[in-house]
C-alpha atoms as a PDB file:
ATOM      1  CA  MET A   1      44.203 200.543-132.427  1.00  0.00           C
ATOM      2  CA  GLY A   2      46.969 199.025-130.169  1.00  0.00           C
ATOM      3  CA  ASP A   3      50.438 200.554-130.762  1.00  0.00           C
ATOM      4  CA  PRO A   4      51.884 199.411-134.259  1.00  0.00           C
ATOM      5  CA  ARG A   5      55.311 199.157-132.350  1.00  0.00           C
ATOM      6  CA  ILE A   6      54.420 196.566-130.022  1.00  0.00           C
ATOM      7  CA  GLU A   7      53.150 194.177-133.074  1.00  0.00           C
ATOM      8  CA  LYS A   8      56.608 194.579-134.450  1.00  0.00           C
ATOM      9  CA  LEU A   9      58.407 193.812-131.453  1.00  0.00           C
ATOM     10  CA  ALA A  10      56.357 190.722-130.998  1.00  0.00           C
ATOM     11  CA  ASP A  11      57.301 189.764-134.419  1.00  0.00           C
ATOM     12  CA  ILE A  12      60.862 190.122-134.493  1.00  0.00           C
ATOM     13  CA  LEU A  13      61.202 188.289-130.777  1.00  0.00           C
ATOM     14  CA  VAL A  14      59.068 185.307-132.510  1.00  0.00           C
ATOM     15  CA  ASN A  15      60.069 185.184-135.904  1.00  0.00           C
ATOM     16  CA  TYR A  16      63.848 186.316-135.630  1.00  0.00           C
ATOM     17  CA  SER A  17      64.818 186.092-132.380  1.00  0.00           C
ATOM     18  CA  VAL A  18      64.018 182.645-131.268  1.00  0.00           C
ATOM     19  CA  GLU A  19      62.604 181.918-134.713  1.00  0.00           C
ATOM     20  CA  VAL A  20      59.464 179.887-134.008  1.00  0.00           C
ATOM     21  CA  LYS A  21      58.670 176.836-136.088  1.00  0.00           C
ATOM     22  CA  GLU A  22      55.533 175.035-136.585  1.00  0.00           C
ATOM     23  CA  GLY A  23      55.132 172.315-134.138  1.00  0.00           C
ATOM     24  CA  GLU A  24      56.365 173.953-131.425  1.00  0.00           C
ATOM     25  CA  ARG A  25      56.132 174.789-127.907  1.00  0.00           C
ATOM     26  CA  VAL A  26      57.120 178.615-126.699  1.00  0.00           C
ATOM     27  CA  LEU A  27      57.047 178.911-122.954  1.00  0.00           C
ATOM     28  CA  ILE A  28      55.916 183.194-122.639  1.00  0.00           C
ATOM     29  CA  SER A  29      57.064 184.627-119.199  1.00  0.00           C
ATOM     30  CA  GLY A  30      56.035 188.016-117.567  1.00  0.00           C
ATOM     31  CA  SER A  31      54.094 189.956-115.340  1.00  0.00           C
ATOM     32  CA  ILE A  32      50.648 191.297-116.275  1.00  0.00           C
ATOM     33  CA  LEU A  33      52.239 194.544-116.860  1.00  0.00           C
ATOM     34  CA  ALA A  34      53.199 193.109-120.104  1.00  0.00           C
ATOM     35  CA  ARG A  35      50.270 192.026-121.093  1.00  0.00           C
ATOM     36  CA  PRO A  36      49.998 193.986-124.342  1.00  0.00           C
ATOM     37  CA  LEU A  37      53.087 192.700-125.481  1.00  0.00           C
ATOM     38  CA  ILE A  38      52.426 189.202-124.661  1.00  0.00           C
ATOM     39  CA  GLU A  39      48.957 188.936-126.268  1.00  0.00           C
ATOM     40  CA  GLU A  40      50.608 190.459-129.240  1.00  0.00           C
ATOM     41  CA  ILE A  41      53.410 187.012-128.724  1.00  0.00           C
ATOM     42  CA  VAL A  42      50.985 184.732-128.254  1.00  0.00           C
ATOM     43  CA  LYS A  43      49.198 185.526-131.561  1.00  0.00           C
ATOM     44  CA  LYS A  44      52.364 185.510-133.258  1.00  0.00           C
ATOM     45  CA  VAL A  45      53.149 182.401-131.771  1.00  0.00           C
ATOM     46  CA  ALA A  46      50.117 180.814-132.605  1.00  0.00           C
ATOM     47  CA  GLN A  47      50.383 182.024-136.103  1.00  0.00           C
ATOM     48  CA  ALA A  48      53.476 180.189-136.704  1.00  0.00           C
ATOM     49  CA  GLY A  49      52.115 176.843-136.003  1.00  0.00           C
ATOM     50  CA  ALA A  50      53.477 176.769-132.489  1.00  0.00           C
ATOM     51  CA  GLU A  51      52.040 176.267-129.164  1.00  0.00           C
ATOM     52  CA  PRO A  52      51.942 179.296-126.325  1.00  0.00           C
ATOM     53  CA  VAL A  53      52.459 178.288-122.930  1.00  0.00           C
ATOM     54  CA  THR A  54      52.400 181.595-120.511  1.00  0.00           C
ATOM     55  CA  ARG A  55      53.499 181.926-117.302  1.00  0.00           C
ATOM     56  CA  ILE A  56      52.473 185.302-115.745  1.00  0.00           C
ATOM     57  CA  THR A  57      54.707 186.224-112.915  1.00  0.00           C
ATOM     58  CA  LEU A  58      53.935 188.375-109.289  1.00  0.00           C
ATOM     59  CA  GLU A  59      56.751 189.729-108.244  1.00  0.00           C
ATOM     60  CA  THR A  60      55.395 190.777-104.461  1.00  0.00           C
ATOM     61  CA  ALA A  61      55.396 186.826-104.312  1.00  0.00           C
ATOM     62  CA  GLY A  62      58.933 186.586-105.050  1.00  0.00           C
ATOM     63  CA  TYR A  63      59.564 189.502-102.157  1.00  0.00           C
ATOM     64  CA  LEU A  64      57.074 187.565 -99.988  1.00  0.00           C
ATOM     65  CA  PHE A  65      58.674 184.319-100.381  1.00  0.00           C
ATOM     66  CA  MET A  66      62.588 186.011-100.320  1.00  0.00           C
ATOM     67  CA  LYS A  67      61.418 188.200 -97.090  1.00  0.00           C
ATOM     68  CA  TYR A  68      59.780 184.535 -95.047  1.00  0.00           C
ATOM     69  CA  GLY A  69      61.126 181.815 -96.560  1.00  0.00           C
ATOM     70  CA  SER A  70      63.706 179.445 -94.894  1.00  0.00           C
ATOM     71  CA  GLU A  71      67.578 179.179 -96.093  1.00  0.00           C
ATOM     72  CA  GLU A  72      66.896 175.593 -96.700  1.00  0.00           C
ATOM     73  CA  ILE A  73      63.654 176.601 -99.196  1.00  0.00           C
ATOM     74  CA  ILE A  74      65.220 179.483-100.593  1.00  0.00           C
ATOM     75  CA  GLY A  75      68.363 177.374-101.553  1.00  0.00           C
ATOM     76  CA  ARG A  76      66.056 175.268-103.701  1.00  0.00           C
ATOM     77  CA  THR A  77      66.032 174.941-107.099  1.00  0.00           C
ATOM     78  CA  ASN A  78      62.631 175.325-108.486  1.00  0.00           C
ATOM     79  CA  GLU A  79      62.578 172.004-110.301  1.00  0.00           C
ATOM     80  CA  VAL A  80      58.896 173.034-111.204  1.00  0.00           C
ATOM     81  CA  PHE A  81      59.771 175.902-113.770  1.00  0.00           C
ATOM     82  CA  LEU A  82      62.792 174.121-114.484  1.00  0.00           C
ATOM     83  CA  ASP A  83      60.197 171.112-115.805  1.00  0.00           C
ATOM     84  CA  MET A  84      58.510 173.791-117.835  1.00  0.00           C
ATOM     85  CA  ILE A  85      61.529 175.155-119.432  1.00  0.00           C
ATOM     86  CA  LYS A  86      62.448 171.506-120.499  1.00  0.00           C
ATOM     87  CA  LYS A  87      59.515 170.758-121.984  1.00  0.00           C
ATOM     88  CA  CYS A  88      59.566 173.764-124.167  1.00  0.00           C
ATOM     89  CA  ASP A  89      61.377 174.787-127.346  1.00  0.00           C
ATOM     90  CA  ALA A  90      61.952 178.059-127.034  1.00  0.00           C
ATOM     91  CA  LEU A  91      61.394 180.901-123.989  1.00  0.00           C
ATOM     92  CA  ILE A  92      60.695 184.681-124.419  1.00  0.00           C
ATOM     93  CA  SER A  93      60.693 186.678-121.110  1.00  0.00           C
ATOM     94  CA  ILE A  94      59.356 189.864-120.494  1.00  0.00           C
ATOM     95  CA  ASN A  95      60.595 192.388-118.188  1.00  0.00           C
ATOM     96  CA  ALA A  96      58.210 194.227-117.108  1.00  0.00           C
ATOM     97  CA  PRO A  97      58.395 195.466-113.353  1.00  0.00           C
ATOM     98  CA  GLU A  98      55.910 197.132-110.829  1.00  0.00           C
ATOM     99  CA  ASN A  99      59.003 198.204-108.586  1.00  0.00           C
ATOM    100  CA  THR A 100      62.555 198.076-109.182  1.00  0.00           C
ATOM    101  CA  LYS A 101      64.052 198.267-105.499  1.00  0.00           C
ATOM    102  CA  TYR A 102      61.537 195.578-104.403  1.00  0.00           C
ATOM    103  CA  MET A 103      64.710 193.171-103.048  1.00  0.00           C
ATOM    104  CA  SER A 104      66.393 196.280-101.621  1.00  0.00           C
ATOM    105  CA  THR A 105      65.949 195.586 -98.201  1.00  0.00           C
ATOM    106  CA  ILE A 106      66.531 191.294 -98.426  1.00  0.00           C
ATOM    107  CA  ASP A 107      69.475 190.510 -96.853  1.00  0.00           C
ATOM    108  CA  PRO A 108      72.270 189.907 -99.108  1.00  0.00           C
ATOM    109  CA  LYS A 109      72.942 186.283 -97.925  1.00  0.00           C
ATOM    110  CA  ARG A 110      69.685 185.190 -98.621  1.00  0.00           C
ATOM    111  CA  LEU A 111      69.752 186.580-102.111  1.00  0.00           C
ATOM    112  CA  SER A 112      73.122 185.374-103.124  1.00  0.00           C
ATOM    113  CA  LEU A 113      71.685 182.121-101.468  1.00  0.00           C
ATOM    114  CA  HIS A 114      68.700 182.479-104.070  1.00  0.00           C
ATOM    115  CA  GLN A 115      70.965 183.034-106.612  1.00  0.00           C
ATOM    116  CA  LYS A 116      72.843 179.792-106.512  1.00  0.00           C
ATOM    117  CA  ALA A 117      69.555 177.860-106.273  1.00  0.00           C
ATOM    118  CA  LEU A 118      69.017 179.791-109.952  1.00  0.00           C
ATOM    119  CA  MET A 119      72.261 178.377-111.499  1.00  0.00           C
ATOM    120  CA  PRO A 120      70.974 174.871-112.506  1.00  0.00           C
ATOM    121  CA  ILE A 121      67.908 176.851-114.376  1.00  0.00           C
ATOM    122  CA  SER A 122      70.066 179.290-115.899  1.00  0.00           C
ATOM    123  CA  GLU A 123      72.845 176.648-116.856  1.00  0.00           C
ATOM    124  CA  TYR A 124      70.066 174.492-118.710  1.00  0.00           C
ATOM    125  CA  VAL A 125      69.133 177.950-120.805  1.00  0.00           C
ATOM    126  CA  MET A 126      72.401 179.221-121.007  1.00  0.00           C
ATOM    127  CA  GLY A 127      73.932 175.888-122.687  1.00  0.00           C
ATOM    128  CA  GLY A 128      71.869 175.795-125.692  1.00  0.00           C
ATOM    129  CA  ASN A 129      69.141 173.388-124.568  1.00  0.00           C
ATOM    130  CA  VAL A 130      66.350 176.038-125.436  1.00  0.00           C
ATOM    131  CA  ARG A 131      66.170 179.160-127.621  1.00  0.00           C
ATOM    132  CA  TRP A 132      65.769 182.074-125.683  1.00  0.00           C
ATOM    133  CA  VAL A 133      65.254 185.694-125.499  1.00  0.00           C
ATOM    134  CA  GLY A 134      65.053 188.382-122.640  1.00  0.00           C
ATOM    135  CA  CYS A 135      62.909 191.496-123.536  1.00  0.00           C
ATOM    136  CA  ASN A 136      61.890 195.160-121.510  1.00  0.00           C
ATOM    137  CA  PHE A 137      58.317 196.051-121.861  1.00  0.00           C
ATOM    138  CA  PRO A 138      57.787 200.071-121.344  1.00  0.00           C
ATOM    139  CA  VAL A 139      56.219 200.639-117.495  1.00  0.00           C
ATOM    140  CA  PRO A 140      56.061 203.035-115.567  1.00  0.00           C
ATOM    141  CA  ALA A 141      58.205 201.696-113.077  1.00  0.00           C
ATOM    142  CA  LEU A 142      61.412 201.476-115.667  1.00  0.00           C
ATOM    143  CA  ALA A 143      60.624 205.061-117.423  1.00  0.00           C
ATOM    144  CA  GLN A 144      61.123 206.287-113.783  1.00  0.00           C
ATOM    145  CA  GLU A 145      64.768 204.283-113.250  1.00  0.00           C
ATOM    146  CA  ALA A 146      65.290 205.700-116.830  1.00  0.00           C
ATOM    147  CA  GLU A 147      64.290 209.393-115.520  1.00  0.00           C
ATOM    148  CA  MET A 148      61.996 209.591-117.989  1.00  0.00           C
ATOM    149  CA  SER A 149      58.251 210.189-118.980  1.00  0.00           C
ATOM    150  CA  LEU A 150      56.608 207.019-119.994  1.00  0.00           C
ATOM    151  CA  GLU A 151      56.048 208.628-123.691  1.00  0.00           C
ATOM    152  CA  GLU A 152      59.919 209.174-123.769  1.00  0.00           C
ATOM    153  CA  TYR A 153      60.867 205.707-122.111  1.00  0.00           C
ATOM    154  CA  GLU A 154      58.407 203.514-125.063  1.00  0.00           C
ATOM    155  CA  ASN A 155      60.117 206.087-127.627  1.00  0.00           C
ATOM    156  CA  PHE A 156      64.016 205.015-126.079  1.00  0.00           C
ATOM    157  CA  VAL A 157      62.563 201.104-126.219  1.00  0.00           C
ATOM    158  CA  TYR A 158      61.098 200.636-129.553  1.00  0.00           C
ATOM    159  CA  SER A 159      64.058 202.709-131.261  1.00  0.00           C
ATOM    160  CA  ALA A 160      66.237 200.441-129.628  1.00  0.00           C
ATOM    161  CA  THR A 161      64.553 197.346-130.902  1.00  0.00           C
ATOM    162  CA  ASN A 162      62.461 197.803-133.758  1.00  0.00           C
ATOM    163  CA  ILE A 163      65.784 198.057-136.508  1.00  0.00           C
ATOM    164  CA  ASP A 164      67.328 196.087-138.613  1.00  0.00           C
ATOM    165  CA  TRP A 165      68.889 193.276-137.481  1.00  0.00           C
ATOM    166  CA  VAL A 166      70.234 191.809-140.344  1.00  0.00           C
ATOM    167  CA  GLU A 167      72.346 195.049-141.202  1.00  0.00           C
ATOM    168  CA  ASN A 168      72.992 195.559-137.512  1.00  0.00           C
ATOM    169  CA  SER A 169      74.698 191.726-137.609  1.00  0.00           C
ATOM    170  CA  LYS A 170      77.081 192.276-140.502  1.00  0.00           C
ATOM    171  CA  TYR A 171      78.344 195.647-138.709  1.00  0.00           C
ATOM    172  CA  GLN A 172      79.263 193.165-136.050  1.00  0.00           C
ATOM    173  CA  ASP A 173      81.067 191.346-138.127  1.00  0.00           C
ATOM    174  CA  LYS A 174      83.846 193.846-138.866  1.00  0.00           C
ATOM    175  CA  ILE A 175      84.443 194.867-135.452  1.00  0.00           C
ATOM    176  CA  LYS A 176      84.578 191.041-134.079  1.00  0.00           C
ATOM    177  CA  ALA A 177      87.357 189.949-137.054  1.00  0.00           C
ATOM    178  CA  ILE A 178      89.586 192.639-135.360  1.00  0.00           C
ATOM    179  CA  PHE A 179      89.517 191.042-131.887  1.00  0.00           C
ATOM    180  CA  ASP A 180      89.296 187.550-132.926  1.00  0.00           C
ATOM    181  CA  ALA A 181      92.579 188.027-134.554  1.00  0.00           C
ATOM    182  CA  GLY A 182      94.041 189.866-131.015  1.00  0.00           C
ATOM    183  CA  LYS A 183      95.794 188.324-127.981  1.00  0.00           C
ATOM    184  CA  GLU A 184      95.838 190.987-125.636  1.00  0.00           C
ATOM    185  CA  VAL A 185      93.312 193.984-124.289  1.00  0.00           C
ATOM    186  CA  ARG A 186      94.221 196.559-122.766  1.00  0.00           C
ATOM    187  CA  ILE A 187      91.810 199.163-121.431  1.00  0.00           C
ATOM    188  CA  VAL A 188      92.409 203.134-120.581  1.00  0.00           C
ATOM    189  CA  GLY A 189      90.584 205.715-118.998  1.00  0.00           C
ATOM    190  CA  PRO A 190      89.802 207.881-116.220  1.00  0.00           C
ATOM    191  CA  GLY A 191      91.195 205.795-113.315  1.00  0.00           C
ATOM    192  CA  THR A 192      91.104 202.927-115.291  1.00  0.00           C
ATOM    193  CA  ASP A 193      94.373 200.644-116.676  1.00  0.00           C
ATOM    194  CA  LEU A 194      93.697 197.353-117.271  1.00  0.00           C
ATOM    195  CA  THR A 195      95.069 194.732-119.298  1.00  0.00           C
ATOM    196  CA  PHE A 196      93.978 190.787-120.279  1.00  0.00           C
ATOM    197  CA  SER A 197      94.185 188.675-122.951  1.00  0.00           C
ATOM    198  CA  ILE A 198      91.345 186.981-125.249  1.00  0.00           C
ATOM    199  CA  GLU A 199      94.112 184.614-127.145  1.00  0.00           C
ATOM    200  CA  GLY A 200      92.523 181.924-128.537  1.00  0.00           C
ATOM    201  CA  ARG A 201      88.780 182.428-127.374  1.00  0.00           C
ATOM    202  CA  GLU A 202      86.520 183.483-130.172  1.00  0.00           C
ATOM    203  CA  GLY A 203      83.932 186.606-129.817  1.00  0.00           C
ATOM    204  CA  ILE A 204      80.004 185.944-129.494  1.00  0.00           C
ATOM    205  CA  LYS A 205      78.010 188.380-131.776  1.00  0.00           C
ATOM    206  CA  CYS A 206      74.901 189.785-129.846  1.00  0.00           C
ATOM    207  CA  ASP A 207      72.700 190.393-132.597  1.00  0.00           C
ATOM    208  CA  GLY A 208      69.232 190.191-131.647  1.00  0.00           C
ATOM    209  CA  ARG A 209      69.132 186.651-130.791  1.00  0.00           C
ATOM    210  CA  ASN A 210      69.143 186.398-126.950  1.00  0.00           C
ATOM    211  CA  ASN A 211      68.673 190.056-125.729  1.00  0.00           C
ATOM    212  CA  MET A 212      66.405 192.685-127.100  1.00  0.00           C
ATOM    213  CA  PRO A 213      67.838 195.330-127.662  1.00  0.00           C
ATOM    214  CA  ASP A 214      71.049 193.787-128.369  1.00  0.00           C
ATOM    215  CA  GLY A 215      74.313 195.263-129.805  1.00  0.00           C
ATOM    216  CA  GLU A 216      77.481 193.730-128.137  1.00  0.00           C
ATOM    217  CA  ILE A 217      80.411 191.301-128.944  1.00  0.00           C
ATOM    218  CA  PHE A 218      81.276 189.864-126.027  1.00  0.00           C
ATOM    219  CA  TYR A 219      84.465 187.361-124.938  1.00  0.00           C
ATOM    220  CA  ALA A 220      85.766 185.430-122.043  1.00  0.00           C
ATOM    221  CA  PRO A 221      88.974 186.838-121.124  1.00  0.00           C
ATOM    222  CA  ILE A 222      91.864 183.762-119.707  1.00  0.00           C
ATOM    223  CA  GLU A 223      90.934 183.239-116.504  1.00  0.00           C
ATOM    224  CA  ASN A 224      94.064 184.328-114.642  1.00  0.00           C
ATOM    225  CA  SER A 225      95.362 186.928-117.121  1.00  0.00           C
ATOM    226  CA  ALA A 226      93.615 190.595-116.080  1.00  0.00           C
ATOM    227  CA  ASN A 227      96.049 192.921-114.377  1.00  0.00           C
ATOM    228  CA  GLY A 228      95.631 196.730-113.490  1.00  0.00           C
ATOM    229  CA  TYR A 229      92.578 198.599-111.919  1.00  0.00           C
ATOM    230  CA  ILE A 230      89.193 199.915-113.072  1.00  0.00           C
ATOM    231  CA  THR A 231      86.954 202.168-111.840  1.00  0.00           C
ATOM    232  CA  TYR A 232      83.232 202.150-113.404  1.00  0.00           C
ATOM    233  CA  ASP A 233      81.655 205.314-114.472  1.00  0.00           C
ATOM    234  CA  PHE A 234      77.561 204.121-114.108  1.00  0.00           C
ATOM    235  CA  PRO A 235      76.112 202.237-110.791  1.00  0.00           C
ATOM    236  CA  ALA A 236      76.314 198.305-111.503  1.00  0.00           C
ATOM    237  CA  MET A 237      73.067 197.307-110.508  1.00  0.00           C
ATOM    238  CA  ARG A 238      72.356 193.640-109.062  1.00  0.00           C
ATOM    239  CA  MET A 239      69.222 192.278-107.118  1.00  0.00           C
ATOM    240  CA  GLY A 240      67.758 195.472-106.727  1.00  0.00           C
ATOM    241  CA  LYS A 241      71.212 197.061-104.935  1.00  0.00           C
ATOM    242  CA  GLU A 242      72.399 199.985-106.802  1.00  0.00           C
ATOM    243  CA  VAL A 243      76.677 200.016-106.155  1.00  0.00           C
ATOM    244  CA  SER A 244      78.143 203.389-106.836  1.00  0.00           C
ATOM    245  CA  GLY A 245      81.615 204.666-107.498  1.00  0.00           C
ATOM    246  CA  ILE A 246      83.076 201.073-107.937  1.00  0.00           C
ATOM    247  CA  ARG A 247      87.024 200.365-108.342  1.00  0.00           C
ATOM    248  CA  LEU A 248      88.617 197.124-108.436  1.00  0.00           C
ATOM    249  CA  GLU A 249      91.997 196.323-108.435  1.00  0.00           C
ATOM    250  CA  PHE A 250      93.016 192.872-110.597  1.00  0.00           C
ATOM    251  CA  LYS A 251      96.382 190.564-109.766  1.00  0.00           C
ATOM    252  CA  ASP A 252      96.818 186.986-112.141  1.00  0.00           C
ATOM    253  CA  GLY A 253      92.935 187.503-112.667  1.00  0.00           C
ATOM    254  CA  LYS A 254      91.358 187.868-109.475  1.00  0.00           C
ATOM    255  CA  VAL A 255      89.583 190.897-107.467  1.00  0.00           C
ATOM    256  CA  VAL A 256      92.397 191.497-104.535  1.00  0.00           C
ATOM    257  CA  LYS A 257      91.092 194.853-103.757  1.00  0.00           C
ATOM    258  CA  ALA A 258      87.518 196.164-104.199  1.00  0.00           C
ATOM    259  CA  SER A 259      85.834 199.793-102.981  1.00  0.00           C
ATOM    260  CA  ALA A 260      82.401 201.641-103.732  1.00  0.00           C
ATOM    261  CA  THR A 261      81.183 204.697-102.226  1.00  0.00           C
ATOM    262  CA  LYS A 262      77.621 203.425-102.503  1.00  0.00           C
ATOM    263  CA  ASN A 263      76.747 199.944-100.981  1.00  0.00           C
ATOM    264  CA  GLU A 264      80.016 198.749-100.576  1.00  0.00           C
ATOM    265  CA  ASP A 265      79.261 195.776 -98.090  1.00  0.00           C
ATOM    266  CA  PHE A 266      76.913 194.316-100.664  1.00  0.00           C
ATOM    267  CA  LEU A 267      79.431 194.806-103.250  1.00  0.00           C
ATOM    268  CA  LEU A 268      82.436 192.920-100.960  1.00  0.00           C
ATOM    269  CA  SER A 269      79.068 190.217-100.157  1.00  0.00           C
ATOM    270  CA  SER A 270      78.772 189.416-103.821  1.00  0.00           C
ATOM    271  CA  LEU A 271      82.630 188.921-104.772  1.00  0.00           C
ATOM    272  CA  ASP A 272      82.780 186.583-101.602  1.00  0.00           C
ATOM    273  CA  THR A 273      79.586 184.633-102.998  1.00  0.00           C
ATOM    274  CA  ASP A 274      81.960 181.829-104.176  1.00  0.00           C
ATOM    275  CA  GLU A 275      85.764 181.728-105.309  1.00  0.00           C
ATOM    276  CA  GLY A 276      84.679 182.363-109.060  1.00  0.00           C
ATOM    277  CA  ALA A 277      82.874 185.591-107.914  1.00  0.00           C
ATOM    278  CA  ARG A 278      86.574 187.409-108.183  1.00  0.00           C
ATOM    279  CA  TYR A 279      87.116 186.547-111.665  1.00  0.00           C
ATOM    280  CA  ILE A 280      86.285 188.475-114.871  1.00  0.00           C
ATOM    281  CA  GLY A 281      83.697 186.185-116.760  1.00  0.00           C
ATOM    282  CA  GLU A 282      82.802 188.294-119.775  1.00  0.00           C
ATOM    283  CA  PHE A 283      84.521 191.141-121.365  1.00  0.00           C
ATOM    284  CA  GLY A 284      81.802 193.214-123.947  1.00  0.00           C
ATOM    285  CA  ILE A 285      82.070 195.711-125.850  1.00  0.00           C
ATOM    286  CA  GLY A 286      78.869 198.180-126.997  1.00  0.00           C
ATOM    287  CA  VAL A 287      78.233 198.863-130.606  1.00  0.00           C
ATOM    288  CA  ASN A 288      74.521 200.131-130.365  1.00  0.00           C
ATOM    289  CA  TYR A 289      74.960 203.530-130.825  1.00  0.00           C
ATOM    290  CA  GLY A 290      70.726 203.875-131.211  1.00  0.00           C
ATOM    291  CA  ILE A 291      71.468 203.418-126.809  1.00  0.00           C
ATOM    292  CA  GLN A 292      73.031 206.675-126.186  1.00  0.00           C
ATOM    293  CA  ARG A 293      72.000 207.400-122.336  1.00  0.00           C
ATOM    294  CA  PHE A 294      72.571 205.097-119.317  1.00  0.00           C
ATOM    295  CA  THR A 295      69.282 203.471-117.773  1.00  0.00           C
ATOM    296  CA  LYS A 296      70.281 201.505-114.898  1.00  0.00           C
ATOM    297  CA  ASP A 297      68.833 198.663-116.829  1.00  0.00           C
ATOM    298  CA  ILE A 298      71.991 196.263-118.127  1.00  0.00           C
ATOM    299  CA  LEU A 299      69.805 195.093-120.957  1.00  0.00           C
ATOM    300  CA  PHE A 300      70.460 198.547-122.376  1.00  0.00           C
ATOM    301  CA  ASP A 301      73.175 199.975-121.135  1.00  0.00           C
ATOM    302  CA  GLU A 302      75.718 197.071-121.935  1.00  0.00           C
ATOM    303  CA  LYS A 303      74.920 198.074-125.482  1.00  0.00           C
ATOM    304  CA  ILE A 304      75.364 201.682-125.111  1.00  0.00           C
ATOM    305  CA  GLY A 305      78.069 202.247-128.509  1.00  0.00           C
ATOM    306  CA  GLY A 306      81.379 203.691-126.878  1.00  0.00           C
ATOM    307  CA  THR A 307      81.083 201.547-123.898  1.00  0.00           C
ATOM    308  CA  ILE A 308      82.773 198.442-122.821  1.00  0.00           C
ATOM    309  CA  HIS A 309      81.503 196.298-119.510  1.00  0.00           C
ATOM    310  CA  LEU A 310      83.340 193.330-117.338  1.00  0.00           C
ATOM    311  CA  ALA A 311      81.290 190.963-115.539  1.00  0.00           C
ATOM    312  CA  LEU A 312      82.181 189.121-112.475  1.00  0.00           C
ATOM    313  CA  GLY A 313      81.537 185.658-112.202  1.00  0.00           C
ATOM    314  CA  ARG A 314      80.485 183.380-114.832  1.00  0.00           C
ATOM    315  CA  ALA A 315      81.981 182.668-117.900  1.00  0.00           C
ATOM    316  CA  TYR A 316      79.153 181.767-121.091  1.00  0.00           C
ATOM    317  CA  PRO A 317      80.186 178.392-122.151  1.00  0.00           C
ATOM    318  CA  GLU A 318      79.536 179.202-125.641  1.00  0.00           C
ATOM    319  CA  SER A 319      82.615 182.102-125.452  1.00  0.00           C
ATOM    320  CA  GLY A 320      84.748 179.462-124.344  1.00  0.00           C
ATOM    321  CA  GLY A 321      85.137 180.420-120.619  1.00  0.00           C
ATOM    322  CA  LYS A 322      85.851 178.228-118.105  1.00  0.00           C
ATOM    323  CA  ASN A 323      84.924 180.481-114.688  1.00  0.00           C
ATOM    324  CA  VAL A 324      82.059 178.991-112.634  1.00  0.00           C
ATOM    325  CA  SER A 325      80.346 181.121-110.287  1.00  0.00           C
ATOM    326  CA  ALA A 326      76.799 181.711-109.172  1.00  0.00           C
ATOM    327  CA  ILE A 327      76.973 185.205-110.097  1.00  0.00           C
ATOM    328  CA  HIS A 328      77.398 186.906-113.401  1.00  0.00           C
ATOM    329  CA  TRP A 329      77.906 190.879-112.688  1.00  0.00           C
ATOM    330  CA  ASP A 330      77.900 193.544-115.301  1.00  0.00           C
ATOM    331  CA  MET A 331      79.675 196.361-114.901  1.00  0.00           C
ATOM    332  CA  ILE A 332      80.176 199.130-117.342  1.00  0.00           C
ATOM    333  CA  LYS A 333      82.958 201.531-118.445  1.00  0.00           C
ATOM    334  CA  ASP A 334      82.197 204.429-120.441  1.00  0.00           C
ATOM    335  CA  LEU A 335      85.241 205.312-122.614  1.00  0.00           C
ATOM    336  CA  ARG A 336      82.979 208.150-124.819  1.00  0.00           C
ATOM    337  CA  LYS A 337      85.487 210.764-123.598  1.00  0.00           C
ATOM    338  CA  ASP A 338      89.008 210.075-122.812  1.00  0.00           C
ATOM    339  CA  GLY A 339      88.967 206.221-123.115  1.00  0.00           C
ATOM    340  CA  LYS A 340      90.905 203.929-125.583  1.00  0.00           C
ATOM    341  CA  ILE A 341      90.765 199.951-126.328  1.00  0.00           C
ATOM    342  CA  ILE A 342      94.338 198.840-127.082  1.00  0.00           C
ATOM    343  CA  LEU A 343      94.544 195.722-128.787  1.00  0.00           C
ATOM    344  CA  ASP A 344      98.030 194.080-129.267  1.00  0.00           C
ATOM    345  CA  GLY A 345      99.510 197.765-128.864  1.00  0.00           C
ATOM    346  CA  LYS A 346      97.365 199.279-131.615  1.00  0.00           C
ATOM    347  CA  VAL A 347      94.758 201.875-130.438  1.00  0.00           C
ATOM    348  CA  VAL A 348      91.502 200.164-132.361  1.00  0.00           C
ATOM    349  CA  ALA A 349      88.909 202.535-130.455  1.00  0.00           C
ATOM    350  CA  GLU A 350      89.172 206.054-128.912  1.00  0.00           C
ATOM    351  CA  ASN A 351      86.612 208.372-127.302  1.00  0.00           C
ATOM    352  CA  GLY A 352      83.745 205.622-128.184  1.00  0.00           C
ATOM    353  CA  LYS A 353      84.825 205.514-131.906  1.00  0.00           C
ATOM    354  CA  PHE A 354      86.671 202.788-133.366  1.00  0.00           C
ATOM    355  CA  LEU A 355      89.288 203.381-135.956  1.00  0.00           C
ATOM    356  CA  ILE A 356      88.507 200.483-137.691  1.00  0.00           C
ATOM    357  CA  GLU A 357      85.079 201.345-139.292  1.00  0.00           C
ATOM    358  CA  ASP A 358      85.037 201.590-143.342  1.00  0.00           C
END
């Protein structure tokens, strides 16, 4: 007998997150390690009267391509994959890596070059042309990265995903309404005093439609408005690299000084990817209090209740942001101890708890 939690998650992804309809075509992408979930998704898609299209990936192939491919090819957009997406109505992407560090030895410049090549695919998906959702499947590599046993990690994942997302969405409405009416945001905490404007920018609820798990509300700050400094409590992960002890200083929206205690060269290289990489593309508020520990997986970590995150680089078009970049790099600030969110001079959250809750 299979794990009923897997079937429940598949049902949420198919019938809630992307709302598959009869006659549609759904692209399901993931590694062979995600086979139990992929099979359940295929079944749910078929039961909905739609056509499942599977794309099974091999992460070592990606590593070999990045290591031995010419810069010309690495920097070229994969038109075949883009065409597959364009022929589908929905995309369900499952993350189930065998090794979370497999890109660690690849030259950062090659990684940045390839990231630029992925932009047309990302822009097409993020631009509302296809309904999409991304999700983790519990595998040993992710459990190890989170410093848990596989059983513990399975419990961690399913407790964060298999919830009543309709009720969660209603809770997010309360917080979103306050910030939608606000103008200036100030983040205060250890090593941090940063202000920026969200005036005229409406927040986007993340209630299980695009990411699973979910639980955040995000905004696109006014591009030239960030001033001050921020120190991040957790490592920031990107392309298999772990960058720790990040401190950023902003002036008129732009990062003018950056440092890190680990992999600082990678941080600086990423900031030089393009002009937009030094500006904030996203301000996110974590409101999933079922996720309470950092796991080095941004899909979960950016949702931790009582944290905020700022993403350097690309803004999401639906949030009204205008910043353009090949990168979108989330960095998390923990406000659960000695932290505040101040909106237009009023404290709206303190030590990770919202003061506006009923």
